[in-house]
Every structure is written in structure tokens, then in C-alpha cells.
Amino acid sequence: MGYRSEVYIAMDSHAIASMHALISLSSDNYLLELLNESCMHSCQGDEHEFTVYEWIDVKWYEGYHGIGAMTAFLASLPDMAYGYVRLGEDYADVETVGDVCRFNLYVERRVSWA
């Protein structure tokens, strides 16, 4: 089965344009395939529009070509151009990179009952 995560990546319009340029220049389709597996949401922040890509129940391993390509691309961006949140299966396994607050990405754990 493998370890599963939820992953959210928010990007401003400049980062998305850079990503599409990278995809058009690439000889492989790993990054495009990864994007096609996501749910995409257009959002409006306080000062800008942005897009959030969402993967639920995904094996997010660096060794996978699409994930490696996305990680390398994000590392090339300035922190304020994107926000990245990964929630692992383990309760304390939370990873954030970039400027998550600028994109209104917050981790919230709660207990509810009926």
C-alpha cells in the first residue's frame, strides 16, 4: 500500500507561467502528468489571485519522477511565489515550504463528534 499524504501547492500567476514554460521545454511529461492528477482550485487572496493544486491519498516520494520534477521546480522559485503543505499519515508529519501564509494555507487539526 505505501505511505500516503495530502499535498497542497499554491502558486501565483508568475510561478504558474514559469511552470508551463518549463513543461513546454521538457522532453518528458512527468510534471504535466502530476498536474493532471491534481484537483485545481482558483482562489482570491487579500492582494492577489492564485491557484492551489491538491492531491489526496498520494504516494509523495522524491524518487518518483513527477514529484522530483515538482520539488526541483519549487526549489527554483522565490519563497513568496508559492506555498507547499504536505500532511502525512502520521499525526506529527507536517511539512511546509514557501510562503504558506501568503496563500492562506493553514493546517488545522480538530476533533468532532456527532
PDB file of N, CA and C in Angstrom:
ATOM      1  N   MET A   1       0.830  -1.189   0.000  1.00  0.00           N
ATOM      2  CA  MET A   1       0.000   0.000   0.000  1.00  0.00           C
ATOM      3  C   MET A   1       0.873   1.251   0.000  1.00  0.00           C
ATOM      4  N   GLY A   2       1.793   1.366   0.922  1.00  0.00           N
ATOM      5  CA  GLY A   2       2.663   2.537   0.953  1.00  0.00           C
ATOM      6  C   GLY A   2       2.110   3.657   1.813  1.00  0.00           C
ATOM      7  N   TYR A   3       2.972   4.574   2.116  1.00  0.00           N
ATOM      8  CA  TYR A   3       2.647   5.726   2.946  1.00  0.00           C
ATOM      9  C   TYR A   3       1.952   6.779   2.090  1.00  0.00           C
ATOM     10  N   ARG A   4       0.858   7.292   2.548  1.00  0.00           N
ATOM     11  CA  ARG A   4       0.050   8.244   1.781  1.00  0.00           C
ATOM     12  C   ARG A   4       0.061   9.613   2.438  1.00  0.00           C
ATOM     13  N   SER A   5      -0.077  10.629   1.605  1.00  0.00           N
ATOM     14  CA  SER A   5      -0.081  12.015   2.078  1.00  0.00           C
ATOM     15  C   SER A   5      -1.182  12.800   1.381  1.00  0.00           C
ATOM     16  N   GLU A   6      -1.476  13.962   1.950  1.00  0.00           N
ATOM     17  CA  GLU A   6      -2.259  15.004   1.283  1.00  0.00           C
ATOM     18  C   GLU A   6      -1.260  16.108   0.969  1.00  0.00           C
ATOM     19  N   VAL A   7      -1.299  16.624  -0.253  1.00  0.00           N
ATOM     20  CA  VAL A   7      -0.352  17.658  -0.656  1.00  0.00           C
ATOM     21  C   VAL A   7      -1.117  18.814  -1.287  1.00  0.00           C
ATOM     22  N   TYR A   8      -0.736  20.027  -0.884  1.00  0.00           N
ATOM     23  CA  TYR A   8      -1.337  21.248  -1.410  1.00  0.00           C
ATOM     24  C   TYR A   8      -0.214  22.181  -1.840  1.00  0.00           C
ATOM     25  N   ILE A   9      -0.271  22.643  -3.087  1.00  0.00           N
ATOM     26  CA  ILE A   9       0.715  23.595  -3.588  1.00  0.00           C
ATOM     27  C   ILE A   9      -0.040  24.774  -4.179  1.00  0.00           C
ATOM     28  N   ALA A  10       0.204  25.956  -3.623  1.00  0.00           N
ATOM     29  CA  ALA A  10      -0.392  27.189  -4.135  1.00  0.00           C
ATOM     30  C   ALA A  10       0.690  27.972  -4.856  1.00  0.00           C
ATOM     31  N   MET A  11       0.326  28.558  -6.004  1.00  0.00           N
ATOM     32  CA  MET A  11       1.284  29.341  -6.781  1.00  0.00           C
ATOM     33  C   MET A  11       0.624  30.597  -7.325  1.00  0.00           C
ATOM     34  N   ASP A  12       1.417  31.670  -7.388  1.00  0.00           N
ATOM     35  CA  ASP A  12       0.921  32.888  -8.019  1.00  0.00           C
ATOM     36  C   ASP A  12       1.038  32.748  -9.542  1.00  0.00           C
ATOM     37  N   SER A  13       0.526  33.733 -10.262  1.00  0.00           N
ATOM     38  CA  SER A  13       0.476  33.648 -11.727  1.00  0.00           C
ATOM     39  C   SER A  13       1.859  33.589 -12.356  1.00  0.00           C
ATOM     40  N   HIS A  14       2.851  34.240 -11.756  1.00  0.00           N
ATOM     41  CA  HIS A  14       4.210  34.201 -12.300  1.00  0.00           C
ATOM     42  C   HIS A  14       4.808  32.804 -12.181  1.00  0.00           C
ATOM     43  N   ALA A  15       4.585  32.157 -11.052  1.00  0.00           N
ATOM     44  CA  ALA A  15       5.092  30.796 -10.861  1.00  0.00           C
ATOM     45  C   ALA A  15       4.410  29.827 -11.820  1.00  0.00           C
ATOM     46  N   ILE A  16       3.121  29.999 -12.024  1.00  0.00           N
ATOM     47  CA  ILE A  16       2.393  29.114 -12.940  1.00  0.00           C
ATOM     48  C   ILE A  16       2.892  29.308 -14.368  1.00  0.00           C
ATOM     49  N   ALA A  17       3.138  30.546 -14.767  1.00  0.00           N
ATOM     50  CA  ALA A  17       3.673  30.808 -16.110  1.00  0.00           C
ATOM     51  C   ALA A  17       5.048  30.151 -16.271  1.00  0.00           C
ATOM     52  N   SER A  18       5.882  30.237 -15.240  1.00  0.00           N
ATOM     53  CA  SER A  18       7.198  29.586 -15.285  1.00  0.00           C
ATOM     54  C   SER A  18       7.060  28.074 -15.387  1.00  0.00           C
ATOM     55  N   MET A  19       6.103  27.523 -14.662  1.00  0.00           N
ATOM     56  CA  MET A  19       5.896  26.082 -14.696  1.00  0.00           C
ATOM     57  C   MET A  19       5.443  25.632 -16.085  1.00  0.00           C
ATOM     58  N   HIS A  20       4.529  26.363 -16.700  1.00  0.00           N
ATOM     59  CA  HIS A  20       4.073  25.994 -18.034  1.00  0.00           C
ATOM     60  C   HIS A  20       5.190  26.144 -19.067  1.00  0.00           C
ATOM     61  N   ALA A  21       6.041  27.139 -18.899  1.00  0.00           N
ATOM     62  CA  ALA A  21       7.193  27.286 -19.792  1.00  0.00           C
ATOM     63  C   ALA A  21       8.131  26.090 -19.641  1.00  0.00           C
ATOM     64  N   LEU A  22       8.366  25.667 -18.405  1.00  0.00           N
ATOM     65  CA  LEU A  22       9.215  24.501 -18.150  1.00  0.00           C
ATOM     66  C   LEU A  22       8.619  23.250 -18.791  1.00  0.00           C
ATOM     67  N   ILE A  23       7.317  23.078 -18.652  1.00  0.00           N
ATOM     68  CA  ILE A  23       6.639  21.911 -19.236  1.00  0.00           C
ATOM     69  C   ILE A  23       6.783  21.926 -20.755  1.00  0.00           C
ATOM     70  N   SER A  24       6.630  23.094 -21.368  1.00  0.00           N
ATOM     71  CA  SER A  24       6.710  23.167 -22.828  1.00  0.00           C
ATOM     72  C   SER A  24       8.117  22.894 -23.349  1.00  0.00           C
ATOM     73  N   LEU A  25       9.132  23.152 -22.514  1.00  0.00           N
ATOM     74  CA  LEU A  25      10.516  22.914 -22.924  1.00  0.00           C
ATOM     75  C   LEU A  25      11.014  21.512 -22.594  1.00  0.00           C
ATOM     76  N   SER A  26      10.267  20.801 -21.773  1.00  0.00           N
ATOM     77  CA  SER A  26      10.711  19.498 -21.280  1.00  0.00           C
ATOM     78  C   SER A  26      10.462  18.398 -22.308  1.00  0.00           C
ATOM     79  N   SER A  27      11.361  17.450 -22.340  1.00  0.00           N
ATOM     80  CA  SER A  27      11.201  16.306 -23.234  1.00  0.00           C
ATOM     81  C   SER A  27      10.374  15.191 -22.588  1.00  0.00           C
ATOM     82  N   ASP A  28      10.180  15.268 -21.280  1.00  0.00           N
ATOM     83  CA  ASP A  28       9.334  14.272 -20.613  1.00  0.00           C
ATOM     84  C   ASP A  28       8.047  14.946 -20.137  1.00  0.00           C
ATOM     85  N   ASN A  29       7.070  14.158 -19.788  1.00  0.00           N
ATOM     86  CA  ASN A  29       5.772  14.688 -19.370  1.00  0.00           C
ATOM     87  C   ASN A  29       5.478  14.438 -17.900  1.00  0.00           C
ATOM     88  N   TYR A  30       6.498  14.174 -17.088  1.00  0.00           N
ATOM     89  CA  TYR A  30       6.274  13.814 -15.691  1.00  0.00           C
ATOM     90  C   TYR A  30       5.557  14.910 -14.913  1.00  0.00           C
ATOM     91  N   LEU A  31       5.991  16.137 -15.076  1.00  0.00           N
ATOM     92  CA  LEU A  31       5.377  17.246 -14.343  1.00  0.00           C
ATOM     93  C   LEU A  31       3.938  17.461 -14.811  1.00  0.00           C
ATOM     94  N   LEU A  32       3.706  17.406 -16.102  1.00  0.00           N
ATOM     95  CA  LEU A  32       2.353  17.558 -16.634  1.00  0.00           C
ATOM     96  C   LEU A  32       1.440  16.441 -16.147  1.00  0.00           C
ATOM     97  N   GLU A  33       1.945  15.209 -16.140  1.00  0.00           N
ATOM     98  CA  GLU A  33       1.146  14.084 -15.641  1.00  0.00           C
ATOM     99  C   GLU A  33       0.780  14.287 -14.172  1.00  0.00           C
ATOM    100  N   LEU A  34       1.732  14.769 -13.374  1.00  0.00           N
ATOM    101  CA  LEU A  34       1.457  15.029 -11.957  1.00  0.00           C
ATOM    102  C   LEU A  34       0.367  16.086 -11.809  1.00  0.00           C
ATOM    103  N   LEU A  35       0.450  17.154 -12.572  1.00  0.00           N
ATOM    104  CA  LEU A  35      -0.565  18.211 -12.513  1.00  0.00           C
ATOM    105  C   LEU A  35      -1.934  17.695 -12.932  1.00  0.00           C
ATOM    106  N   ASN A  36      -1.966  16.830 -13.930  1.00  0.00           N
ATOM    107  CA  ASN A  36      -3.237  16.277 -14.401  1.00  0.00           C
ATOM    108  C   ASN A  36      -3.896  15.379 -13.363  1.00  0.00           C
ATOM    109  N   GLU A  37      -3.127  14.881 -12.399  1.00  0.00           N
ATOM    110  CA  GLU A  37      -3.676  14.034 -11.334  1.00  0.00           C
ATOM    111  C   GLU A  37      -4.191  14.860 -10.155  1.00  0.00           C
ATOM    112  N   SER A  38      -4.030  16.165 -10.208  1.00  0.00           N
ATOM    113  CA  SER A  38      -4.430  17.023  -9.085  1.00  0.00           C
ATOM    114  C   SER A  38      -5.824  17.599  -9.308  1.00  0.00           C
ATOM    115  N   CYS A  39      -6.403  18.091  -8.221  1.00  0.00           N
ATOM    116  CA  CYS A  39      -7.582  18.947  -8.300  1.00  0.00           C
ATOM    117  C   CYS A  39      -7.056  20.377  -8.262  1.00  0.00           C
ATOM    118  N   MET A  40      -7.537  21.223  -9.144  1.00  0.00           N
ATOM    119  CA  MET A  40      -7.037  22.589  -9.228  1.00  0.00           C
ATOM    120  C   MET A  40      -8.138  23.545  -8.782  1.00  0.00           C
ATOM    121  N   HIS A  41      -7.759  24.513  -7.929  1.00  0.00           N
ATOM    122  CA  HIS A  41      -8.700  25.496  -7.409  1.00  0.00           C
ATOM    123  C   HIS A  41      -8.164  26.900  -7.659  1.00  0.00           C
ATOM    124  N   SER A  42      -8.953  27.754  -8.261  1.00  0.00           N
ATOM    125  CA  SER A  42      -8.590  29.159  -8.407  1.00  0.00           C
ATOM    126  C   SER A  42      -9.068  29.892  -7.168  1.00  0.00           C
ATOM    127  N   CYS A  43      -8.210  30.735  -6.586  1.00  0.00           N
ATOM    128  CA  CYS A  43      -8.516  31.387  -5.324  1.00  0.00           C
ATOM    129  C   CYS A  43      -8.183  32.877  -5.400  1.00  0.00           C
ATOM    130  N   GLN A  44      -8.795  33.634  -4.541  1.00  0.00           N
ATOM    131  CA  GLN A  44      -8.521  35.060  -4.429  1.00  0.00           C
ATOM    132  C   GLN A  44      -8.015  35.348  -3.027  1.00  0.00           C
ATOM    133  N   GLY A  45      -6.785  35.862  -2.929  1.00  0.00           N
ATOM    134  CA  GLY A  45      -6.231  36.253  -1.644  1.00  0.00           C
ATOM    135  C   GLY A  45      -6.523  37.709  -1.365  1.00  0.00           C
ATOM    136  N   ASP A  46      -5.940  38.241  -0.316  1.00  0.00           N
ATOM    137  CA  ASP A  46      -6.145  39.641   0.031  1.00  0.00           C
ATOM    138  C   ASP A  46      -5.617  40.574  -1.047  1.00  0.00           C
ATOM    139  N   GLU A  47      -4.499  40.202  -1.665  1.00  0.00           N
ATOM    140  CA  GLU A  47      -3.852  41.097  -2.622  1.00  0.00           C
ATOM    141  C   GLU A  47      -3.637  40.482  -4.004  1.00  0.00           C
ATOM    142  N   HIS A  48      -3.965  39.229  -4.189  1.00  0.00           N
ATOM    143  CA  HIS A  48      -3.636  38.582  -5.462  1.00  0.00           C
ATOM    144  C   HIS A  48      -4.475  37.332  -5.685  1.00  0.00           C
ATOM    145  N   GLU A  49      -4.535  36.918  -6.946  1.00  0.00           N
ATOM    146  CA  GLU A  49      -5.161  35.648  -7.297  1.00  0.00           C
ATOM    147  C   GLU A  49      -4.083  34.574  -7.313  1.00  0.00           C
ATOM    148  N   PHE A  50      -4.480  33.362  -7.008  1.00  0.00           N
ATOM    149  CA  PHE A  50      -3.537  32.255  -7.034  1.00  0.00           C
ATOM    150  C   PHE A  50      -4.285  30.964  -7.308  1.00  0.00           C
ATOM    151  N   THR A  51      -3.522  29.927  -7.583  1.00  0.00           N
ATOM    152  CA  THR A  51      -4.081  28.612  -7.873  1.00  0.00           C
ATOM    153  C   THR A  51      -3.533  27.613  -6.870  1.00  0.00           C
ATOM    154  N   VAL A  52      -4.401  26.735  -6.392  1.00  0.00           N
ATOM    155  CA  VAL A  52      -3.991  25.667  -5.476  1.00  0.00           C
ATOM    156  C   VAL A  52      -4.178  24.334  -6.189  1.00  0.00           C
ATOM    157  N   TYR A  53      -3.118  23.540  -6.185  1.00  0.00           N
ATOM    158  CA  TYR A  53      -3.162  22.173  -6.693  1.00  0.00           C
ATOM    159  C   TYR A  53      -3.244  21.251  -5.487  1.00  0.00           C
ATOM    160  N   GLU A  54      -4.134  20.268  -5.551  1.00  0.00           N
ATOM    161  CA  GLU A  54      -4.415  19.410  -4.399  1.00  0.00           C
ATOM    162  C   GLU A  54      -4.334  17.944  -4.811  1.00  0.00           C
ATOM    163  N   TRP A  55      -3.590  17.183  -4.024  1.00  0.00           N
ATOM    164  CA  TRP A  55      -3.511  15.728  -4.197  1.00  0.00           C
ATOM    165  C   TRP A  55      -3.905  15.094  -2.873  1.00  0.00           C
ATOM    166  N   ILE A  56      -4.859  14.187  -2.884  1.00  0.00           N
ATOM    167  CA  ILE A  56      -5.316  13.487  -1.687  1.00  0.00           C
ATOM    168  C   ILE A  56      -4.959  12.011  -1.837  1.00  0.00           C
ATOM    169  N   ASP A  57      -4.462  11.414  -0.751  1.00  0.00           N
ATOM    170  CA  ASP A  57      -4.150   9.986  -0.754  1.00  0.00           C
ATOM    171  C   ASP A  57      -3.121   9.640  -1.832  1.00  0.00           C
ATOM    172  N   VAL A  58      -2.013  10.392  -1.823  1.00  0.00           N
ATOM    173  CA  VAL A  58      -0.981  10.228  -2.845  1.00  0.00           C
ATOM    174  C   VAL A  58       0.317   9.728  -2.211  1.00  0.00           C
ATOM    175  N   LYS A  59       1.041   8.905  -2.944  1.00  0.00           N
ATOM    176  CA  LYS A  59       2.387   8.492  -2.519  1.00  0.00           C
ATOM    177  C   LYS A  59       3.345   9.586  -2.991  1.00  0.00           C
ATOM    178  N   TRP A  60       3.752  10.462  -2.100  1.00  0.00           N
ATOM    179  CA  TRP A  60       4.560  11.627  -2.436  1.00  0.00           C
ATOM    180  C   TRP A  60       6.017  11.335  -2.087  1.00  0.00           C
ATOM    181  N   TYR A  61       6.687  10.616  -2.967  1.00  0.00           N
ATOM    182  CA  TYR A  61       8.079  10.232  -2.762  1.00  0.00           C
ATOM    183  C   TYR A  61       8.975  10.991  -3.733  1.00  0.00           C
ATOM    184  N   GLU A  62      10.089  11.519  -3.239  1.00  0.00           N
ATOM    185  CA  GLU A  62      11.020  12.282  -4.069  1.00  0.00           C
ATOM    186  C   GLU A  62      11.532  11.481  -5.266  1.00  0.00           C
ATOM    187  N   GLY A  63      11.630  10.177  -5.116  1.00  0.00           N
ATOM    188  CA  GLY A  63      12.147   9.343  -6.189  1.00  0.00           C
ATOM    189  C   GLY A  63      11.209   9.193  -7.378  1.00  0.00           C
ATOM    190  N   TYR A  64       9.950   9.531  -7.207  1.00  0.00           N
ATOM    191  CA  TYR A  64       9.004   9.472  -8.320  1.00  0.00           C
ATOM    192  C   TYR A  64       9.264  10.662  -9.236  1.00  0.00           C
ATOM    193  N   HIS A  65       9.299  10.416 -10.529  1.00  0.00           N
ATOM    194  CA  HIS A  65       9.728  11.437 -11.493  1.00  0.00           C
ATOM    195  C   HIS A  65       8.916  12.731 -11.401  1.00  0.00           C
ATOM    196  N   GLY A  66       7.598  12.648 -11.359  1.00  0.00           N
ATOM    197  CA  GLY A  66       6.769  13.851 -11.298  1.00  0.00           C
ATOM    198  C   GLY A  66       6.985  14.635 -10.019  1.00  0.00           C
ATOM    199  N   ILE A  67       7.087  13.927  -8.902  1.00  0.00           N
ATOM    200  CA  ILE A  67       7.306  14.586  -7.617  1.00  0.00           C
ATOM    201  C   ILE A  67       8.690  15.209  -7.582  1.00  0.00           C
ATOM    202  N   GLY A  68       9.689  14.509  -8.092  1.00  0.00           N
ATOM    203  CA  GLY A  68      11.038  15.063  -8.155  1.00  0.00           C
ATOM    204  C   GLY A  68      11.088  16.312  -9.016  1.00  0.00           C
ATOM    205  N   ALA A  69      10.385  16.287 -10.153  1.00  0.00           N
ATOM    206  CA  ALA A  69      10.341  17.458 -11.038  1.00  0.00           C
ATOM    207  C   ALA A  69       9.654  18.626 -10.345  1.00  0.00           C
ATOM    208  N   MET A  70       8.558  18.359  -9.629  1.00  0.00           N
ATOM    209  CA  MET A  70       7.847  19.438  -8.925  1.00  0.00           C
ATOM    210  C   MET A  70       8.713  20.009  -7.808  1.00  0.00           C
ATOM    211  N   THR A  71       9.364  19.155  -7.048  1.00  0.00           N
ATOM    212  CA  THR A  71      10.223  19.607  -5.955  1.00  0.00           C
ATOM    213  C   THR A  71      11.366  20.477  -6.480  1.00  0.00           C
ATOM    214  N   ALA A  72      11.983  20.049  -7.569  1.00  0.00           N
ATOM    215  CA  ALA A  72      13.066  20.836  -8.166  1.00  0.00           C
ATOM    216  C   ALA A  72      12.546  22.174  -8.682  1.00  0.00           C
ATOM    217  N   PHE A  73      11.370  22.166  -9.292  1.00  0.00           N
ATOM    218  CA  PHE A  73      10.794  23.419  -9.785  1.00  0.00           C
ATOM    219  C   PHE A  73      10.513  24.377  -8.631  1.00  0.00           C
ATOM    220  N   LEU A  74       9.880  23.881  -7.563  1.00  0.00           N
ATOM    221  CA  LEU A  74       9.571  24.747  -6.415  1.00  0.00           C
ATOM    222  C   LEU A  74      10.846  25.316  -5.800  1.00  0.00           C
ATOM    223  N   ALA A  75      11.895  24.518  -5.747  1.00  0.00           N
ATOM    224  CA  ALA A  75      13.168  24.979  -5.183  1.00  0.00           C
ATOM    225  C   ALA A  75      13.779  26.110  -6.007  1.00  0.00           C
ATOM    226  N   SER A  76      13.407  26.211  -7.281  1.00  0.00           N
ATOM    227  CA  SER A  76      13.931  27.274  -8.132  1.00  0.00           C
ATOM    228  C   SER A  76      13.175  28.588  -7.974  1.00  0.00           C
ATOM    229  N   LEU A  77      12.035  28.556  -7.301  1.00  0.00           N
ATOM    230  CA  LEU A  77      11.205  29.753  -7.131  1.00  0.00           C
ATOM    231  C   LEU A  77      11.562  30.506  -5.854  1.00  0.00           C
ATOM    232  N   PRO A  78      11.311  31.820  -5.834  1.00  0.00           N
ATOM    233  CA  PRO A  78      11.418  32.529  -4.559  1.00  0.00           C
ATOM    234  C   PRO A  78      10.293  32.072  -3.627  1.00  0.00           C
ATOM    235  N   ASP A  79      10.558  32.067  -2.332  1.00  0.00           N
ATOM    236  CA  ASP A  79       9.571  31.566  -1.361  1.00  0.00           C
ATOM    237  C   ASP A  79       8.217  32.258  -1.474  1.00  0.00           C
ATOM    238  N   MET A  80       8.197  33.526  -1.812  1.00  0.00           N
ATOM    239  CA  MET A  80       6.927  34.249  -1.836  1.00  0.00           C
ATOM    240  C   MET A  80       6.062  33.897  -3.055  1.00  0.00           C
ATOM    241  N   ALA A  81       6.591  33.105  -3.998  1.00  0.00           N
ATOM    242  CA  ALA A  81       5.847  32.751  -5.204  1.00  0.00           C
ATOM    243  C   ALA A  81       4.967  31.517  -5.023  1.00  0.00           C
ATOM    244  N   TYR A  82       5.165  30.785  -3.915  1.00  0.00           N
ATOM    245  CA  TYR A  82       4.401  29.553  -3.717  1.00  0.00           C
ATOM    246  C   TYR A  82       4.292  29.215  -2.235  1.00  0.00           C
ATOM    247  N   GLY A  83       3.369  28.328  -1.949  1.00  0.00           N
ATOM    248  CA  GLY A  83       3.240  27.731  -0.626  1.00  0.00           C
ATOM    249  C   GLY A  83       3.003  26.242  -0.795  1.00  0.00           C
ATOM    250  N   TYR A  84       3.644  25.431   0.024  1.00  0.00           N
ATOM    251  CA  TYR A  84       3.570  23.969  -0.082  1.00  0.00           C
ATOM    252  C   TYR A  84       3.260  23.404   1.296  1.00  0.00           C
ATOM    253  N   VAL A  85       2.258  22.537   1.363  1.00  0.00           N
ATOM    254  CA  VAL A  85       1.927  21.841   2.607  1.00  0.00           C
ATOM    255  C   VAL A  85       1.734  20.372   2.284  1.00  0.00           C
ATOM    256  N   ARG A  86       2.420  19.508   3.046  1.00  0.00           N
ATOM    257  CA  ARG A  86       2.230  18.061   2.937  1.00  0.00           C
ATOM    258  C   ARG A  86       1.851  17.525   4.297  1.00  0.00           C
ATOM    259  N   LEU A  87       0.718  16.822   4.356  1.00  0.00           N
ATOM    260  CA  LEU A  87       0.263  16.159   5.578  1.00  0.00           C
ATOM    261  C   LEU A  87       0.430  14.661   5.387  1.00  0.00           C
ATOM    262  N   GLY A  88       1.291  14.062   6.182  1.00  0.00           N
ATOM    263  CA  GLY A  88       1.493  12.623   6.106  1.00  0.00           C
ATOM    264  C   GLY A  88       0.468  11.871   6.936  1.00  0.00           C
ATOM    265  N   GLU A  89       0.505  10.559   6.843  1.00  0.00           N
ATOM    266  CA  GLU A  89      -0.421   9.731   7.625  1.00  0.00           C
ATOM    267  C   GLU A  89      -0.183   9.883   9.120  1.00  0.00           C
ATOM    268  N   ASP A  90       1.077   9.990   9.511  1.00  0.00           N
ATOM    269  CA  ASP A  90       1.390  10.156  10.931  1.00  0.00           C
ATOM    270  C   ASP A  90       0.957  11.534  11.404  1.00  0.00           C
ATOM    271  N   TYR A  91       0.421  11.590  12.603  1.00  0.00           N
ATOM    272  CA  TYR A  91      -0.164  12.825  13.138  1.00  0.00           C
ATOM    273  C   TYR A  91       0.812  14.000  13.097  1.00  0.00           C
ATOM    274  N   ALA A  92       2.063  13.773  13.436  1.00  0.00           N
ATOM    275  CA  ALA A  92       3.044  14.866  13.511  1.00  0.00           C
ATOM    276  C   ALA A  92       3.773  15.114  12.195  1.00  0.00           C
ATOM    277  N   ASP A  93       3.455  14.373  11.165  1.00  0.00           N
ATOM    278  CA  ASP A  93       4.151  14.505   9.890  1.00  0.00           C
ATOM    279  C   ASP A  93       3.519  15.612   9.052  1.00  0.00           C
ATOM    280  N   VAL A  94       3.987  16.823   9.270  1.00  0.00           N
ATOM    281  CA  VAL A  94       3.514  18.003   8.543  1.00  0.00           C
ATOM    282  C   VAL A  94       4.732  18.742   8.021  1.00  0.00           C
ATOM    283  N   GLU A  95       4.722  19.043   6.730  1.00  0.00           N
ATOM    284  CA  GLU A  95       5.836  19.764   6.104  1.00  0.00           C
ATOM    285  C   GLU A  95       5.280  20.997   5.393  1.00  0.00           C
ATOM    286  N   THR A  96       5.889  22.146   5.633  1.00  0.00           N
ATOM    287  CA  THR A  96       5.523  23.366   4.927  1.00  0.00           C
ATOM    288  C   THR A  96       6.780  24.008   4.351  1.00  0.00           C
ATOM    289  N   VAL A  97       6.645  24.559   3.151  1.00  0.00           N
ATOM    290  CA  VAL A  97       7.751  25.231   2.475  1.00  0.00           C
ATOM    291  C   VAL A  97       7.153  26.424   1.729  1.00  0.00           C
ATOM    292  N   GLY A  98       7.946  27.448   1.540  1.00  0.00           N
ATOM    293  CA  GLY A  98       7.471  28.633   0.837  1.00  0.00           C
ATOM    294  C   GLY A  98       6.708  29.547   1.781  1.00  0.00           C
ATOM    295  N   ASP A  99       5.937  30.433   1.216  1.00  0.00           N
ATOM    296  CA  ASP A  99       5.178  31.418   1.996  1.00  0.00           C
ATOM    297  C   ASP A  99       3.723  30.972   2.099  1.00  0.00           C
ATOM    298  N   VAL A 100       3.465  29.985   2.958  1.00  0.00           N
ATOM    299  CA  VAL A 100       2.118  29.411   3.059  1.00  0.00           C
ATOM    300  C   VAL A 100       1.092  30.431   3.533  1.00  0.00           C
ATOM    301  N   CYS A 101       1.493  31.366   4.368  1.00  0.00           N
ATOM    302  CA  CYS A 101       0.552  32.370   4.875  1.00  0.00           C
ATOM    303  C   CYS A 101       0.049  33.289   3.763  1.00  0.00           C
ATOM    304  N   ARG A 102       0.913  33.631   2.820  1.00  0.00           N
ATOM    305  CA  ARG A 102       0.510  34.500   1.700  1.00  0.00           C
ATOM    306  C   ARG A 102      -0.614  33.866   0.887  1.00  0.00           C
ATOM    307  N   PHE A 103      -0.663  32.531   0.881  1.00  0.00           N
ATOM    308  CA  PHE A 103      -1.666  31.814   0.109  1.00  0.00           C
ATOM    309  C   PHE A 103      -2.777  31.234   0.991  1.00  0.00           C
ATOM    310  N   ASN A 104      -2.853  31.703   2.219  1.00  0.00           N
ATOM    311  CA  ASN A 104      -3.908  31.294   3.155  1.00  0.00           C
ATOM    312  C   ASN A 104      -3.963  29.777   3.358  1.00  0.00           C
ATOM    313  N   LEU A 105      -2.797  29.140   3.382  1.00  0.00           N
ATOM    314  CA  LEU A 105      -2.720  27.704   3.658  1.00  0.00           C
ATOM    315  C   LEU A 105      -2.370  27.518   5.130  1.00  0.00           C
ATOM    316  N   TYR A 106      -3.281  26.911   5.868  1.00  0.00           N
ATOM    317  CA  TYR A 106      -3.080  26.675   7.292  1.00  0.00           C
ATOM    318  C   TYR A 106      -3.457  25.238   7.615  1.00  0.00           C
ATOM    319  N   VAL A 107      -2.698  24.630   8.494  1.00  0.00           N
ATOM    320  CA  VAL A 107      -3.007  23.276   8.940  1.00  0.00           C
ATOM    321  C   VAL A 107      -3.883  23.398  10.176  1.00  0.00           C
ATOM    322  N   GLU A 108      -4.974  22.663  10.164  1.00  0.00           N
ATOM    323  CA  GLU A 108      -5.912  22.704  11.278  1.00  0.00           C
ATOM    324  C   GLU A 108      -6.271  21.273  11.656  1.00  0.00           C
ATOM    325  N   ARG A 109      -5.961  20.867  12.872  1.00  0.00           N
ATOM    326  CA  ARG A 109      -6.335  19.542  13.377  1.00  0.00           C
ATOM    327  C   ARG A 109      -7.455  19.752  14.386  1.00  0.00           C
ATOM    328  N   ARG A 110      -8.485  18.934  14.291  1.00  0.00           N
ATOM    329  CA  ARG A 110      -9.589  19.090  15.225  1.00  0.00           C
ATOM    330  C   ARG A 110     -10.304  17.768  15.456  1.00  0.00           C
ATOM    331  N   VAL A 111     -10.959  17.710  16.549  1.00  0.00           N
ATOM    332  CA  VAL A 111     -11.757  16.549  16.904  1.00  0.00           C
ATOM    333  C   VAL A 111     -13.215  16.987  16.874  1.00  0.00           C
ATOM    334  N   SER A 112     -14.073  16.166  16.281  1.00  0.00           N
ATOM    335  CA  SER A 112     -15.503  16.463  16.297  1.00  0.00           C
ATOM    336  C   SER A 112     -16.254  15.161  16.558  1.00  0.00           C
ATOM    337  N   TRP A 113     -17.456  15.286  16.993  1.00  0.00           N
ATOM    338  CA  TRP A 113     -18.299  14.127  17.243  1.00  0.00           C
ATOM    339  C   TRP A 113     -19.746  14.481  16.952  1.00  0.00           C
ATOM    340  N   ALA A 114     -20.542  13.474  16.771  1.00  0.00           N
ATOM    341  CA  ALA A 114     -21.955  13.708  16.445  1.00  0.00           C
ATOM    342  C   ALA A 114     -22.830  13.364  17.626  1.00  0.00           C
TER     343      ALA A 114
END
